[in-house]
Amino acid sequence: MTSPSENANETSTPSATTTDVPAFGWSGYAERVNGRFAMLGFVAVLLIEALSGETFLRWAGLVP
């Protein structure tokens, strides 16, 4: 007989740590990492706009 925690591990989704081997090109690993960096960048832009009171483009000096 198995414990409930063992059954939960067999049917749950994979954790953040993965056994995928990093690969070049269109791999699931590369897409996951790219998505995480995109989310961090988006949150950073939101924080810059919220704290400075200006748009990101004006804050970065790209729009006069």
N, C-alpha and C. Protein backbone atom coordinates (compact mmCIF):
# COMPACT_ATOMS: atom_id res chain seq x y z
N MET A 1 0.85 -1.18 0.00
CA MET A 1 0.00 0.00 0.00
C MET A 1 0.89 1.24 0.00
N THR A 2 0.48 2.25 -0.76
CA THR A 2 1.27 3.48 -0.83
C THR A 2 0.59 4.57 -0.04
N SER A 3 1.38 5.50 0.42
CA SER A 3 0.82 6.60 1.19
C SER A 3 0.21 7.63 0.24
N PRO A 4 -0.68 8.49 0.72
CA PRO A 4 -1.29 9.52 -0.12
C PRO A 4 -0.27 10.46 -0.74
N SER A 5 0.80 10.75 -0.02
CA SER A 5 1.81 11.67 -0.58
C SER A 5 2.53 11.05 -1.76
N GLU A 6 2.72 9.74 -1.74
CA GLU A 6 3.36 9.07 -2.88
C GLU A 6 2.46 9.11 -4.10
N ASN A 7 1.16 8.92 -3.91
CA ASN A 7 0.22 8.98 -5.02
C ASN A 7 0.14 10.39 -5.59
N ALA A 8 0.21 11.40 -4.75
CA ALA A 8 0.14 12.78 -5.21
C ALA A 8 1.34 13.12 -6.09
N ASN A 9 2.50 12.59 -5.76
CA ASN A 9 3.69 12.86 -6.56
C ASN A 9 3.61 12.22 -7.94
N GLU A 10 2.93 11.10 -8.06
CA GLU A 10 2.83 10.42 -9.34
C GLU A 10 1.87 11.11 -10.29
N THR A 11 0.85 11.77 -9.79
CA THR A 11 -0.16 12.38 -10.64
C THR A 11 -0.03 13.88 -10.75
N SER A 12 0.86 14.50 -10.01
CA SER A 12 0.98 15.96 -10.05
C SER A 12 1.83 16.40 -11.24
N THR A 13 1.76 17.68 -11.53
CA THR A 13 2.55 18.24 -12.61
C THR A 13 4.01 18.31 -12.18
N PRO A 14 4.92 18.37 -13.16
CA PRO A 14 6.34 18.44 -12.81
C PRO A 14 6.66 19.70 -12.01
N SER A 15 7.66 19.62 -11.18
CA SER A 15 8.04 20.76 -10.35
C SER A 15 8.92 21.72 -11.14
N ALA A 16 9.33 22.79 -10.47
CA ALA A 16 10.17 23.79 -11.12
C ALA A 16 11.53 23.21 -11.49
N THR A 17 12.00 22.28 -10.71
CA THR A 17 13.25 21.61 -11.09
C THR A 17 12.89 20.53 -12.09
N THR A 18 13.65 20.44 -13.12
CA THR A 18 13.31 19.54 -14.21
C THR A 18 14.49 18.67 -14.59
N THR A 19 14.19 17.58 -15.22
CA THR A 19 15.24 16.70 -15.72
C THR A 19 15.54 16.99 -17.19
N ASP A 20 14.85 18.01 -17.77
CA ASP A 20 15.11 18.38 -19.17
C ASP A 20 16.55 18.85 -19.32
N VAL A 21 17.16 18.45 -20.40
CA VAL A 21 18.53 18.87 -20.69
C VAL A 21 18.45 20.18 -21.46
N PRO A 22 19.17 21.23 -21.03
CA PRO A 22 19.16 22.48 -21.79
C PRO A 22 19.61 22.22 -23.23
N ALA A 23 18.87 22.77 -24.18
CA ALA A 23 19.18 22.54 -25.59
C ALA A 23 18.99 23.84 -26.35
N PHE A 24 19.66 23.96 -27.48
CA PHE A 24 19.51 25.12 -28.33
C PHE A 24 18.29 24.94 -29.21
N GLY A 25 17.69 26.05 -29.63
CA GLY A 25 16.55 25.98 -30.53
C GLY A 25 15.23 25.96 -29.80
N TRP A 26 14.22 25.48 -30.47
CA TRP A 26 12.85 25.47 -29.96
C TRP A 26 12.63 24.25 -29.08
N SER A 27 13.10 24.33 -27.86
CA SER A 27 12.88 23.24 -26.93
C SER A 27 11.96 23.72 -25.81
N GLY A 28 11.35 22.80 -25.12
CA GLY A 28 10.47 23.17 -24.01
C GLY A 28 11.22 23.89 -22.92
N TYR A 29 12.45 23.47 -22.68
CA TYR A 29 13.27 24.10 -21.64
C TYR A 29 13.56 25.56 -21.99
N ALA A 30 13.94 25.81 -23.24
CA ALA A 30 14.26 27.17 -23.67
C ALA A 30 13.04 28.06 -23.61
N GLU A 31 11.89 27.55 -23.99
CA GLU A 31 10.67 28.34 -23.95
C GLU A 31 10.26 28.66 -22.51
N ARG A 32 10.45 27.73 -21.61
CA ARG A 32 10.11 27.96 -20.20
C ARG A 32 11.00 29.05 -19.62
N VAL A 33 12.29 28.98 -19.87
CA VAL A 33 13.22 29.99 -19.36
C VAL A 33 12.93 31.35 -19.98
N ASN A 34 12.68 31.39 -21.28
CA ASN A 34 12.37 32.65 -21.96
C ASN A 34 11.10 33.27 -21.40
N GLY A 35 10.11 32.47 -21.15
CA GLY A 35 8.87 32.99 -20.58
C GLY A 35 9.06 33.57 -19.19
N ARG A 36 9.89 32.94 -18.39
CA ARG A 36 10.15 33.44 -17.04
C ARG A 36 10.88 34.77 -17.08
N PHE A 37 11.87 34.90 -17.98
CA PHE A 37 12.57 36.18 -18.09
C PHE A 37 11.64 37.27 -18.63
N ALA A 38 10.74 36.92 -19.53
CA ALA A 38 9.79 37.90 -20.05
C ALA A 38 8.87 38.40 -18.93
N MET A 39 8.43 37.50 -18.06
CA MET A 39 7.58 37.92 -16.94
C MET A 39 8.34 38.84 -16.00
N LEU A 40 9.60 38.55 -15.73
CA LEU A 40 10.40 39.42 -14.86
C LEU A 40 10.58 40.79 -15.48
N GLY A 41 10.83 40.85 -16.79
CA GLY A 41 10.99 42.12 -17.47
C GLY A 41 9.72 42.95 -17.45
N PHE A 42 8.58 42.30 -17.64
CA PHE A 42 7.31 43.01 -17.62
C PHE A 42 7.02 43.59 -16.24
N VAL A 43 7.29 42.83 -15.20
CA VAL A 43 7.10 43.33 -13.84
C VAL A 43 8.06 44.48 -13.55
N ALA A 44 9.29 44.39 -14.06
CA ALA A 44 10.25 45.47 -13.85
C ALA A 44 9.76 46.76 -14.50
N VAL A 45 9.21 46.68 -15.71
CA VAL A 45 8.68 47.86 -16.39
C VAL A 45 7.51 48.45 -15.60
N LEU A 46 6.63 47.60 -15.09
CA LEU A 46 5.51 48.09 -14.29
C LEU A 46 6.00 48.80 -13.03
N LEU A 47 7.01 48.24 -12.38
CA LEU A 47 7.55 48.88 -11.17
C LEU A 47 8.20 50.23 -11.49
N ILE A 48 8.93 50.30 -12.59
CA ILE A 48 9.56 51.57 -12.98
C ILE A 48 8.49 52.62 -13.21
N GLU A 49 7.42 52.26 -13.93
CA GLU A 49 6.36 53.23 -14.20
C GLU A 49 5.63 53.63 -12.93
N ALA A 50 5.41 52.69 -12.03
CA ALA A 50 4.69 53.00 -10.80
C ALA A 50 5.52 53.89 -9.88
N LEU A 51 6.81 53.64 -9.78
CA LEU A 51 7.65 54.38 -8.85
C LEU A 51 8.09 55.74 -9.40
N SER A 52 8.28 55.84 -10.72
CA SER A 52 8.75 57.11 -11.28
C SER A 52 7.62 58.03 -11.68
N GLY A 53 6.44 57.48 -11.94
CA GLY A 53 5.32 58.30 -12.37
C GLY A 53 5.38 58.67 -13.84
N GLU A 54 6.30 58.11 -14.58
CA GLU A 54 6.44 58.37 -16.01
C GLU A 54 6.32 57.05 -16.77
N THR A 55 6.09 57.17 -18.09
CA THR A 55 6.07 55.95 -18.89
C THR A 55 7.49 55.41 -19.01
N PHE A 56 7.61 54.15 -19.30
CA PHE A 56 8.94 53.54 -19.41
C PHE A 56 9.75 54.18 -20.52
N LEU A 57 9.12 54.46 -21.66
CA LEU A 57 9.86 55.03 -22.79
C LEU A 57 10.40 56.43 -22.45
N ARG A 58 9.60 57.22 -21.74
CA ARG A 58 10.07 58.55 -21.34
C ARG A 58 11.16 58.43 -20.28
N TRP A 59 10.99 57.51 -19.32
CA TRP A 59 11.98 57.29 -18.27
C TRP A 59 13.32 56.84 -18.86
N ALA A 60 13.27 56.00 -19.89
CA ALA A 60 14.50 55.49 -20.51
C ALA A 60 15.12 56.50 -21.47
N GLY A 61 14.43 57.60 -21.74
CA GLY A 61 14.96 58.63 -22.63
C GLY A 61 14.77 58.32 -24.10
N LEU A 62 13.85 57.42 -24.42
CA LEU A 62 13.60 57.06 -25.82
C LEU A 62 12.56 57.95 -26.47
N VAL A 63 11.75 58.63 -25.65
CA VAL A 63 10.73 59.56 -26.16
C VAL A 63 10.95 60.88 -25.43
N PRO A 64 11.06 61.97 -26.21
CA PRO A 64 11.29 63.28 -25.56
C PRO A 64 10.11 63.76 -24.76
